[in-house]
């Protein structure tokens, strides 16, 4: 079945005016319900004018969000999936990109 818990220890850090690094750990072993085959990282700006979703191989636990707007708050959530589908979404974390300059 799908994971019954979301990825843990989700962290996001701005690394420039247009990029954010995101890291995480897999859901707890007892809640994976199989092999984690992929992750989704969803991100949206506070103004709703920038965002997207990326899908990553289940062996990865980091991603860099690029082509973001400078000095903008982004809300980021993650989900883990088995071959059956995606589990629940992680709590939102918010990070602000750097000021352009």
PDB file of N, CA and C in Angstrom:
ATOM      1  N   UNK A   1       0.837  -1.184   0.000  1.00  0.00           N
ATOM      2  CA  UNK A   1       0.000   0.000   0.000  1.00  0.00           C
ATOM      3  C   UNK A   1       0.881   1.247   0.000  1.00  0.00           C
ATOM      4  N   UNK A   2       0.258   2.398   0.090  1.00  0.00           N
ATOM      5  CA  UNK A   2       1.012   3.660   0.091  1.00  0.00           C
ATOM      6  C   UNK A   2       1.619   3.897   1.467  1.00  0.00           C
ATOM      7  N   UNK A   3       2.651   4.741   1.561  1.00  0.00           N
ATOM      8  CA  UNK A   3       3.189   5.074   2.887  1.00  0.00           C
ATOM      9  C   UNK A   3       2.096   5.694   3.759  1.00  0.00           C
ATOM     10  N   UNK A   4       2.141   5.387   5.044  1.00  0.00           N
ATOM     11  CA  UNK A   4       1.136   5.926   5.959  1.00  0.00           C
ATOM     12  C   UNK A   4       1.676   7.104   6.761  1.00  0.00           C
ATOM     13  N   UNK A   5       2.872   7.573   6.389  1.00  0.00           N
ATOM     14  CA  UNK A   5       3.471   8.718   7.069  1.00  0.00           C
ATOM     15  C   UNK A   5       4.278   9.498   6.042  1.00  0.00           C
ATOM     16  N   UNK A   6       4.524  10.742   6.323  1.00  0.00           N
ATOM     17  CA  UNK A   6       5.259  11.614   5.396  1.00  0.00           C
ATOM     18  C   UNK A   6       6.772  11.567   5.668  1.00  0.00           C
ATOM     19  N   UNK A   7       7.576  12.108   4.743  1.00  0.00           N
ATOM     20  CA  UNK A   7       9.023  12.195   4.981  1.00  0.00           C
ATOM     21  C   UNK A   7       9.322  13.029   6.234  1.00  0.00           C
ATOM     22  N   UNK A   8      10.394  12.660   6.915  1.00  0.00           N
ATOM     23  CA  UNK A   8      10.776  13.290   8.179  1.00  0.00           C
ATOM     24  C   UNK A   8      11.890  14.313   7.985  1.00  0.00           C
ATOM     25  N   UNK A   9      12.062  15.146   8.996  1.00  0.00           N
ATOM     26  CA  UNK A   9      13.181  16.102   9.066  1.00  0.00           C
ATOM     27  C   UNK A   9      13.339  16.899   7.780  1.00  0.00           C
ATOM     28  N   UNK A  10      12.234  17.404   7.268  1.00  0.00           N
ATOM     29  CA  UNK A  10      12.281  18.218   6.054  1.00  0.00           C
ATOM     30  C   UNK A  10      12.891  19.571   6.411  1.00  0.00           C
ATOM     31  N   UNK A  11      13.951  19.927   5.702  1.00  0.00           N
ATOM     32  CA  UNK A  11      14.637  21.198   5.914  1.00  0.00           C
ATOM     33  C   UNK A  11      14.818  21.892   4.576  1.00  0.00           C
ATOM     34  N   UNK A  12      14.727  23.204   4.602  1.00  0.00           N
ATOM     35  CA  UNK A  12      14.927  23.990   3.390  1.00  0.00           C
ATOM     36  C   UNK A  12      15.779  25.200   3.726  1.00  0.00           C
ATOM     37  N   UNK A  13      16.750  25.482   2.844  1.00  0.00           N
ATOM     38  CA  UNK A  13      17.665  26.586   3.041  1.00  0.00           C
ATOM     39  C   UNK A  13      17.854  27.322   1.730  1.00  0.00           C
ATOM     40  N   UNK A  14      17.663  28.633   1.745  1.00  0.00           N
ATOM     41  CA  UNK A  14      17.947  29.418   0.545  1.00  0.00           C
ATOM     42  C   UNK A  14      19.458  29.418   0.316  1.00  0.00           C
ATOM     43  N   UNK A  15      19.858  29.213  -0.935  1.00  0.00           N
ATOM     44  CA  UNK A  15      21.285  29.242  -1.265  1.00  0.00           C
ATOM     45  C   UNK A  15      21.609  30.387  -2.215  1.00  0.00           C
ATOM     46  N   UNK A  16      20.575  31.092  -2.690  1.00  0.00           N
ATOM     47  CA  UNK A  16      20.762  32.268  -3.540  1.00  0.00           C
ATOM     48  C   UNK A  16      19.420  32.994  -3.638  1.00  0.00           C
ATOM     49  N   UNK A  17      19.371  34.011  -4.475  1.00  0.00           N
ATOM     50  CA  UNK A  17      18.121  34.744  -4.688  1.00  0.00           C
ATOM     51  C   UNK A  17      17.115  33.929  -5.485  1.00  0.00           C
ATOM     52  N   UNK A  18      17.587  32.868  -6.148  1.00  0.00           N
ATOM     53  CA  UNK A  18      16.701  32.093  -7.025  1.00  0.00           C
ATOM     54  C   UNK A  18      16.749  30.587  -6.785  1.00  0.00           C
ATOM     55  N   UNK A  19      17.324  30.142  -5.660  1.00  0.00           N
ATOM     56  CA  UNK A  19      17.436  28.701  -5.420  1.00  0.00           C
ATOM     57  C   UNK A  19      17.321  28.366  -3.933  1.00  0.00           C
ATOM     58  N   UNK A  20      16.699  27.209  -3.666  1.00  0.00           N
ATOM     59  CA  UNK A  20      16.525  26.685  -2.312  1.00  0.00           C
ATOM     60  C   UNK A  20      16.933  25.213  -2.315  1.00  0.00           C
ATOM     61  N   UNK A  21      17.756  24.820  -1.336  1.00  0.00           N
ATOM     62  CA  UNK A  21      18.081  23.407  -1.131  1.00  0.00           C
ATOM     63  C   UNK A  21      17.080  22.810  -0.147  1.00  0.00           C
ATOM     64  N   UNK A  22      16.588  21.612  -0.475  1.00  0.00           N
ATOM     65  CA  UNK A  22      15.646  20.899   0.393  1.00  0.00           C
ATOM     66  C   UNK A  22      16.244  19.532   0.714  1.00  0.00           C
ATOM     67  N   UNK A  23      16.210  19.152   1.986  1.00  0.00           N
ATOM     68  CA  UNK A  23      16.678  17.827   2.402  1.00  0.00           C
ATOM     69  C   UNK A  23      15.609  17.182   3.275  1.00  0.00           C
ATOM     70  N   UNK A  24      15.647  15.847   3.370  1.00  0.00           N
ATOM     71  CA  UNK A  24      14.673  15.111   4.174  1.00  0.00           C
ATOM     72  C   UNK A  24      15.187  13.716   4.453  1.00  0.00           C
ATOM     73  N   UNK A  25      14.470  13.025   5.307  1.00  0.00           N
ATOM     74  CA  UNK A  25      14.713  11.603   5.595  1.00  0.00           C
ATOM     75  C   UNK A  25      13.443  10.842   5.235  1.00  0.00           C
ATOM     76  N   UNK A  26      13.556   9.546   4.951  1.00  0.00           N
ATOM     77  CA  UNK A  26      12.364   8.753   4.584  1.00  0.00           C
ATOM     78  C   UNK A  26      11.362   8.686   5.732  1.00  0.00           C
ATOM     79  N   UNK A  27      10.128   8.306   5.419  1.00  0.00           N
ATOM     80  CA  UNK A  27       9.153   8.058   6.492  1.00  0.00           C
ATOM     81  C   UNK A  27       9.682   6.964   7.427  1.00  0.00           C
ATOM     82  N   UNK A  28       9.162   6.893   8.649  1.00  0.00           N
ATOM     83  CA  UNK A  28       9.589   5.828   9.565  1.00  0.00           C
ATOM     84  C   UNK A  28       9.403   4.447   8.924  1.00  0.00           C
ATOM     85  N   UNK A  29      10.317   3.544   9.190  1.00  0.00           N
ATOM     86  CA  UNK A  29      10.322   2.213   8.578  1.00  0.00           C
ATOM     87  C   UNK A  29       8.963   1.512   8.694  1.00  0.00           C
ATOM     88  N   UNK A  30       8.340   1.573   9.853  1.00  0.00           N
ATOM     89  CA  UNK A  30       7.064   0.878  10.055  1.00  0.00           C
ATOM     90  C   UNK A  30       5.922   1.481   9.248  1.00  0.00           C
ATOM     91  N   UNK A  31       6.124   2.684   8.721  1.00  0.00           N
ATOM     92  CA  UNK A  31       5.065   3.378   7.989  1.00  0.00           C
ATOM     93  C   UNK A  31       5.332   3.476   6.486  1.00  0.00           C
ATOM     94  N   UNK A  32       6.405   2.848   6.034  1.00  0.00           N
ATOM     95  CA  UNK A  32       6.728   2.922   4.602  1.00  0.00           C
ATOM     96  C   UNK A  32       5.816   2.033   3.766  1.00  0.00           C
ATOM     97  N   UNK A  33       5.427   0.899   4.309  1.00  0.00           N
ATOM     98  CA  UNK A  33       4.536  -0.045   3.616  1.00  0.00           C
ATOM     99  C   UNK A  33       5.088  -0.511   2.277  1.00  0.00           C
ATOM    100  N   UNK A  34       6.386  -0.684   2.231  1.00  0.00           N
ATOM    101  CA  UNK A  34       7.061  -1.135   1.013  1.00  0.00           C
ATOM    102  C   UNK A  34       8.294  -0.293   0.754  1.00  0.00           C
ATOM    103  N   UNK A  35       8.842  -0.436  -0.421  1.00  0.00           N
ATOM    104  CA  UNK A  35      10.027   0.330  -0.814  1.00  0.00           C
ATOM    105  C   UNK A  35       9.585   1.702  -1.309  1.00  0.00           C
ATOM    106  N   UNK A  36      10.248   2.748  -0.817  1.00  0.00           N
ATOM    107  CA  UNK A  36       9.967   4.101  -1.305  1.00  0.00           C
ATOM    108  C   UNK A  36      10.584   4.221  -2.699  1.00  0.00           C
ATOM    109  N   UNK A  37       9.733   4.434  -3.696  1.00  0.00           N
ATOM    110  CA  UNK A  37      10.194   4.482  -5.087  1.00  0.00           C
ATOM    111  C   UNK A  37      10.403   5.893  -5.610  1.00  0.00           C
ATOM    112  N   UNK A  38       9.702   6.873  -5.004  1.00  0.00           N
ATOM    113  CA  UNK A  38       9.914   8.256  -5.418  1.00  0.00           C
ATOM    114  C   UNK A  38       9.354   9.220  -4.377  1.00  0.00           C
ATOM    115  N   UNK A  39       9.787  10.458  -4.542  1.00  0.00           N
ATOM    116  CA  UNK A  39       9.324  11.564  -3.700  1.00  0.00           C
ATOM    117  C   UNK A  39       8.773  12.658  -4.596  1.00  0.00           C
ATOM    118  N   UNK A  40       7.832  13.410  -4.065  1.00  0.00           N
ATOM    119  CA  UNK A  40       7.400  14.637  -4.735  1.00  0.00           C
ATOM    120  C   UNK A  40       7.715  15.801  -3.806  1.00  0.00           C
ATOM    121  N   UNK A  41       8.228  16.870  -4.404  1.00  0.00           N
ATOM    122  CA  UNK A  41       8.512  18.101  -3.674  1.00  0.00           C
ATOM    123  C   UNK A  41       7.650  19.177  -4.318  1.00  0.00           C
ATOM    124  N   UNK A  42       6.722  19.715  -3.553  1.00  0.00           N
ATOM    125  CA  UNK A  42       5.841  20.762  -4.071  1.00  0.00           C
ATOM    126  C   UNK A  42       6.229  22.076  -3.422  1.00  0.00           C
ATOM    127  N   UNK A  43       6.280  23.137  -4.240  1.00  0.00           N
ATOM    128  CA  UNK A  43       6.662  24.449  -3.714  1.00  0.00           C
ATOM    129  C   UNK A  43       5.798  25.529  -4.357  1.00  0.00           C
ATOM    130  N   UNK A  44       5.423  26.514  -3.539  1.00  0.00           N
ATOM    131  CA  UNK A  44       4.584  27.613  -4.006  1.00  0.00           C
ATOM    132  C   UNK A  44       4.997  28.894  -3.307  1.00  0.00           C
ATOM    133  N   UNK A  45       5.024  29.984  -4.069  1.00  0.00           N
ATOM    134  CA  UNK A  45       5.340  31.279  -3.477  1.00  0.00           C
ATOM    135  C   UNK A  45       4.134  31.793  -2.705  1.00  0.00           C
ATOM    136  N   UNK A  46       4.391  32.673  -1.752  1.00  0.00           N
ATOM    137  CA  UNK A  46       3.310  33.225  -0.935  1.00  0.00           C
ATOM    138  C   UNK A  46       2.341  34.052  -1.773  1.00  0.00           C
ATOM    139  N   UNK A  47       2.805  34.587  -2.902  1.00  0.00           N
ATOM    140  CA  UNK A  47       1.940  35.373  -3.784  1.00  0.00           C
ATOM    141  C   UNK A  47       1.216  34.512  -4.816  1.00  0.00           C
ATOM    142  N   UNK A  48       1.565  33.232  -4.870  1.00  0.00           N
ATOM    143  CA  UNK A  48       0.914  32.327  -5.812  1.00  0.00           C
ATOM    144  C   UNK A  48       1.361  32.488  -7.257  1.00  0.00           C
ATOM    145  N   UNK A  49       2.428  33.253  -7.486  1.00  0.00           N
ATOM    146  CA  UNK A  49       2.879  33.505  -8.852  1.00  0.00           C
ATOM    147  C   UNK A  49       4.111  32.704  -9.250  1.00  0.00           C
ATOM    148  N   UNK A  50       4.543  31.789  -8.400  1.00  0.00           N
ATOM    149  CA  UNK A  50       5.717  30.970  -8.705  1.00  0.00           C
ATOM    150  C   UNK A  50       5.582  29.664  -7.930  1.00  0.00           C
ATOM    151  N   UNK A  51       5.917  28.572  -8.568  1.00  0.00           N
ATOM    152  CA  UNK A  51       5.870  27.295  -7.869  1.00  0.00           C
ATOM    153  C   UNK A  51       5.887  26.136  -8.836  1.00  0.00           C
ATOM    154  N   UNK A  52       5.735  24.940  -8.288  1.00  0.00           N
ATOM    155  CA  UNK A  52       5.735  23.753  -9.114  1.00  0.00           C
ATOM    156  C   UNK A  52       5.847  22.508  -8.268  1.00  0.00           C
ATOM    157  N   UNK A  53       6.074  21.413  -8.947  1.00  0.00           N
ATOM    158  CA  UNK A  53       6.248  20.124  -8.285  1.00  0.00           C
ATOM    159  C   UNK A  53       7.315  19.356  -9.047  1.00  0.00           C
ATOM    160  N   UNK A  54       8.220  18.744  -8.299  1.00  0.00           N
ATOM    161  CA  UNK A  54       9.241  17.906  -8.934  1.00  0.00           C
ATOM    162  C   UNK A  54       9.142  16.508  -8.340  1.00  0.00           C
ATOM    163  N   UNK A  55       9.468  15.523  -9.154  1.00  0.00           N
ATOM    164  CA  UNK A  55       9.457  14.125  -8.736  1.00  0.00           C
ATOM    165  C   UNK A  55      10.878  13.599  -8.769  1.00  0.00           C
ATOM    166  N   UNK A  56      11.258  12.884  -7.715  1.00  0.00           N
ATOM    167  CA  UNK A  56      12.626  12.396  -7.576  1.00  0.00           C
ATOM    168  C   UNK A  56      12.642  10.916  -7.264  1.00  0.00           C
ATOM    169  N   UNK A  57      13.721  10.269  -7.668  1.00  0.00           N
ATOM    170  CA  UNK A  57      13.953   8.861  -7.366  1.00  0.00           C
ATOM    171  C   UNK A  57      13.935   8.654  -5.854  1.00  0.00           C
ATOM    172  N   UNK A  58      13.374   7.537  -5.424  1.00  0.00           N
ATOM    173  CA  UNK A  58      13.246   7.238  -4.004  1.00  0.00           C
ATOM    174  C   UNK A  58      14.548   7.063  -3.259  1.00  0.00           C
ATOM    175  N   UNK A  59      15.669   6.945  -3.975  1.00  0.00           N
ATOM    176  CA  UNK A  59      16.960   6.821  -3.296  1.00  0.00           C
ATOM    177  C   UNK A  59      17.539   8.184  -2.933  1.00  0.00           C
ATOM    178  N   UNK A  60      16.946   9.262  -3.454  1.00  0.00           N
ATOM    179  CA  UNK A  60      17.456  10.606  -3.188  1.00  0.00           C
ATOM    180  C   UNK A  60      16.790  11.196  -1.953  1.00  0.00           C
ATOM    181  N   UNK A  61      17.524  12.039  -1.242  1.00  0.00           N
ATOM    182  CA  UNK A  61      16.971  12.720  -0.081  1.00  0.00           C
ATOM    183  C   UNK A  61      17.390  14.178  -0.054  1.00  0.00           C
ATOM    184  N   UNK A  62      17.530  14.749  -1.257  1.00  0.00           N
ATOM    185  CA  UNK A  62      17.861  16.172  -1.391  1.00  0.00           C
ATOM    186  C   UNK A  62      17.464  16.633  -2.778  1.00  0.00           C
ATOM    187  N   UNK A  63      17.117  17.912  -2.864  1.00  0.00           N
ATOM    188  CA  UNK A  63      16.776  18.516  -4.151  1.00  0.00           C
ATOM    189  C   UNK A  63      17.088  20.000  -4.081  1.00  0.00           C
ATOM    190  N   UNK A  64      17.365  20.592  -5.233  1.00  0.00           N
ATOM    191  CA  UNK A  64      17.542  22.032  -5.326  1.00  0.00           C
ATOM    192  C   UNK A  64      16.435  22.591  -6.208  1.00  0.00           C
ATOM    193  N   UNK A  65      15.657  23.506  -5.643  1.00  0.00           N
ATOM    194  CA  UNK A  65      14.612  24.193  -6.394  1.00  0.00           C
ATOM    195  C   UNK A  65      15.259  25.402  -7.051  1.00  0.00           C
ATOM    196  N   UNK A  66      15.108  25.528  -8.361  1.00  0.00           N
ATOM    197  CA  UNK A  66      15.790  26.589  -9.107  1.00  0.00           C
ATOM    198  C   UNK A  66      14.792  27.477  -9.833  1.00  0.00           C
ATOM    199  N   UNK A  67      15.299  28.595 -10.368  1.00  0.00           N
ATOM    200  CA  UNK A  67      14.492  29.553 -11.132  1.00  0.00           C
ATOM    201  C   UNK A  67      13.356  30.140 -10.295  1.00  0.00           C
ATOM    202  N   UNK A  68      13.652  30.378  -9.022  1.00  0.00           N
ATOM    203  CA  UNK A  68      12.675  30.961  -8.119  1.00  0.00           C
ATOM    204  C   UNK A  68      12.755  32.488  -8.178  1.00  0.00           C
ATOM    205  N   UNK A  69      11.770  33.136  -7.578  1.00  0.00           N
ATOM    206  CA  UNK A  69      11.759  34.594  -7.534  1.00  0.00           C
ATOM    207  C   UNK A  69      12.600  35.089  -6.353  1.00  0.00           C
ATOM    208  N   UNK A  70      13.367  36.174  -6.551  1.00  0.00           N
ATOM    209  CA  UNK A  70      14.160  36.725  -5.446  1.00  0.00           C
ATOM    210  C   UNK A  70      13.276  37.278  -4.333  1.00  0.00           C
ATOM    211  N   UNK A  71      13.792  37.220  -3.110  1.00  0.00           N
ATOM    212  CA  UNK A  71      13.185  37.803  -1.918  1.00  0.00           C
ATOM    213  C   UNK A  71      11.700  37.450  -1.822  1.00  0.00           C
ATOM    214  N   UNK A  72      11.427  36.136  -1.913  1.00  0.00           N
ATOM    215  CA  UNK A  72      10.052  35.632  -1.923  1.00  0.00           C
ATOM    216  C   UNK A  72       9.938  34.462  -0.953  1.00  0.00           C
ATOM    217  N   UNK A  73       8.853  34.414  -0.189  1.00  0.00           N
ATOM    218  CA  UNK A  73       8.577  33.276   0.691  1.00  0.00           C
ATOM    219  C   UNK A  73       8.032  32.113  -0.125  1.00  0.00           C
ATOM    220  N   UNK A  74       8.583  30.930   0.089  1.00  0.00           N
ATOM    221  CA  UNK A  74       8.095  29.714  -0.549  1.00  0.00           C
ATOM    222  C   UNK A  74       7.656  28.717   0.512  1.00  0.00           C
ATOM    223  N   UNK A  75       6.512  28.095   0.290  1.00  0.00           N
ATOM    224  CA  UNK A  75       5.996  27.025   1.124  1.00  0.00           C
ATOM    225  C   UNK A  75       6.344  25.706   0.434  1.00  0.00           C
ATOM    226  N   UNK A  76       6.914  24.766   1.187  1.00  0.00           N
ATOM    227  CA  UNK A  76       7.414  23.513   0.613  1.00  0.00           C
ATOM    228  C   UNK A  76       6.831  22.330   1.380  1.00  0.00           C
ATOM    229  N   UNK A  77       6.350  21.326   0.641  1.00  0.00           N
ATOM    230  CA  UNK A  77       5.865  20.084   1.238  1.00  0.00           C
ATOM    231  C   UNK A  77       6.417  18.898   0.456  1.00  0.00           C
ATOM    232  N   UNK A  78       6.504  17.752   1.109  1.00  0.00           N
ATOM    233  CA  UNK A  78       6.983  16.525   0.480  1.00  0.00           C
ATOM    234  C   UNK A  78       6.006  15.386   0.695  1.00  0.00           C
ATOM    235  N   UNK A  79       6.045  14.431  -0.236  1.00  0.00           N
ATOM    236  CA  UNK A  79       5.323  13.167  -0.109  1.00  0.00           C
ATOM    237  C   UNK A  79       6.263  12.050  -0.555  1.00  0.00           C
ATOM    238  N   UNK A  80       6.095  10.878   0.028  1.00  0.00           N
ATOM    239  CA  UNK A  80       6.825   9.684  -0.384  1.00  0.00           C
ATOM    240  C   UNK A  80       5.849   8.722  -1.054  1.00  0.00           C
ATOM    241  N   UNK A  81       6.368   7.908  -1.976  1.00  0.00           N
ATOM    242  CA  UNK A  81       5.508   6.955  -2.677  1.00  0.00           C
ATOM    243  C   UNK A  81       6.143   5.575  -2.734  1.00  0.00           C
ATOM    244  N   UNK A  82       5.272   4.560  -2.721  1.00  0.00           N
ATOM    245  CA  UNK A  82       5.648   3.203  -3.094  1.00  0.00           C
ATOM    246  C   UNK A  82       5.138   2.999  -4.525  1.00  0.00           C
ATOM    247  N   UNK A  83       5.249   1.793  -5.049  1.00  0.00           N
ATOM    248  CA  UNK A  83       4.729   1.552  -6.404  1.00  0.00           C
ATOM    249  C   UNK A  83       3.210   1.705  -6.459  1.00  0.00           C
ATOM    250  N   UNK A  84       2.548   1.671  -5.309  1.00  0.00           N
ATOM    251  CA  UNK A  84       1.088   1.807  -5.253  1.00  0.00           C
ATOM    252  C   UNK A  84       0.645   3.264  -5.372  1.00  0.00           C
ATOM    253  N   UNK A  85       1.433   4.187  -4.828  1.00  0.00           N
ATOM    254  CA  UNK A  85       1.069   5.598  -4.893  1.00  0.00           C
ATOM    255  C   UNK A  85       1.681   6.402  -3.761  1.00  0.00           C
ATOM    256  N   UNK A  86       1.272   7.676  -3.695  1.00  0.00           N
ATOM    257  CA  UNK A  86       1.816   8.608  -2.712  1.00  0.00           C
ATOM    258  C   UNK A  86       1.067   8.546  -1.394  1.00  0.00           C
ATOM    259  N   UNK A  87       1.823   8.747  -0.313  1.00  0.00           N
ATOM    260  CA  UNK A  87       1.267   8.835   1.027  1.00  0.00           C
ATOM    261  C   UNK A  87       0.961  10.274   1.392  1.00  0.00           C
ATOM    262  N   UNK A  88       0.784  10.548   2.687  1.00  0.00           N
ATOM    263  CA  UNK A  88       0.396  11.881   3.139  1.00  0.00           C
ATOM    264  C   UNK A  88       1.496  12.923   2.943  1.00  0.00           C
ATOM    265  N   UNK A  89       1.047  14.147   2.906  1.00  0.00           N
ATOM    266  CA  UNK A  89       1.929  15.292   2.699  1.00  0.00           C
ATOM    267  C   UNK A  89       2.550  15.731   4.025  1.00  0.00           C
ATOM    268  N   UNK A  90       3.815  16.122   3.981  1.00  0.00           N
ATOM    269  CA  UNK A  90       4.489  16.634   5.172  1.00  0.00           C
ATOM    270  C   UNK A  90       3.926  18.006   5.553  1.00  0.00           C
ATOM    271  N   UNK A  91       4.125  18.423   6.802  1.00  0.00           N
ATOM    272  CA  UNK A  91       3.732  19.782   7.170  1.00  0.00           C
ATOM    273  C   UNK A  91       4.507  20.802   6.317  1.00  0.00           C
ATOM    274  N   UNK A  92       3.888  21.937   6.082  1.00  0.00           N
ATOM    275  CA  UNK A  92       4.544  23.008   5.320  1.00  0.00           C
ATOM    276  C   UNK A  92       5.761  23.531   6.066  1.00  0.00           C
ATOM    277  N   UNK A  93       6.814  23.793   5.308  1.00  0.00           N
ATOM    278  CA  UNK A  93       7.904  24.597   5.843  1.00  0.00           C
ATOM    279  C   UNK A  93       8.023  25.795   4.918  1.00  0.00           C
ATOM    280  N   UNK A  94       8.457  26.907   5.466  1.00  0.00           N
ATOM    281  CA  UNK A  94       8.550  28.137   4.688  1.00  0.00           C
ATOM    282  C   UNK A  94       9.973  28.652   4.719  1.00  0.00           C
ATOM    283  N   UNK A  95      10.447  29.089   3.565  1.00  0.00           N
ATOM    284  CA  UNK A  95      11.781  29.671   3.469  1.00  0.00           C
ATOM    285  C   UNK A  95      11.730  30.847   2.501  1.00  0.00           C
ATOM    286  N   UNK A  96      12.544  31.834   2.758  1.00  0.00           N
ATOM    287  CA  UNK A  96      12.584  33.046   1.945  1.00  0.00           C
ATOM    288  C   UNK A  96      13.858  33.038   1.093  1.00  0.00           C
ATOM    289  N   UNK A  97      13.712  33.240  -0.215  1.00  0.00           N
ATOM    290  CA  UNK A  97      14.898  33.364  -1.062  1.00  0.00           C
ATOM    291  C   UNK A  97      15.611  34.677  -0.732  1.00  0.00           C
ATOM    292  N   UNK A  98      16.881  34.748  -1.107  1.00  0.00           N
ATOM    293  CA  UNK A  98      17.673  35.944  -0.820  1.00  0.00           C
ATOM    294  C   UNK A  98      17.196  37.114  -1.678  1.00  0.00           C
ATOM    295  N   UNK A  99      17.565  38.286  -1.238  1.00  0.00           N
ATOM    296  CA  UNK A  99      17.333  39.482  -2.016  1.00  0.00           C
ATOM    297  C   UNK A  99      18.252  39.464  -3.231  1.00  0.00           C
ATOM    298  N   UNK A 100      17.782  39.922  -4.373  1.00  0.00           N
ATOM    299  CA  UNK A 100      18.632  39.989  -5.564  1.00  0.00           C
ATOM    300  C   UNK A 100      19.656  41.090  -5.370  1.00  0.00           C
ATOM    301  N   UNK A 101      20.830  40.868  -5.935  1.00  0.00           N
ATOM    302  CA  UNK A 101      21.815  41.929  -5.782  1.00  0.00           C
ATOM    303  C   UNK A 101      23.113  41.471  -6.211  1.00  0.00           C
TER     304      UNK A 101
END
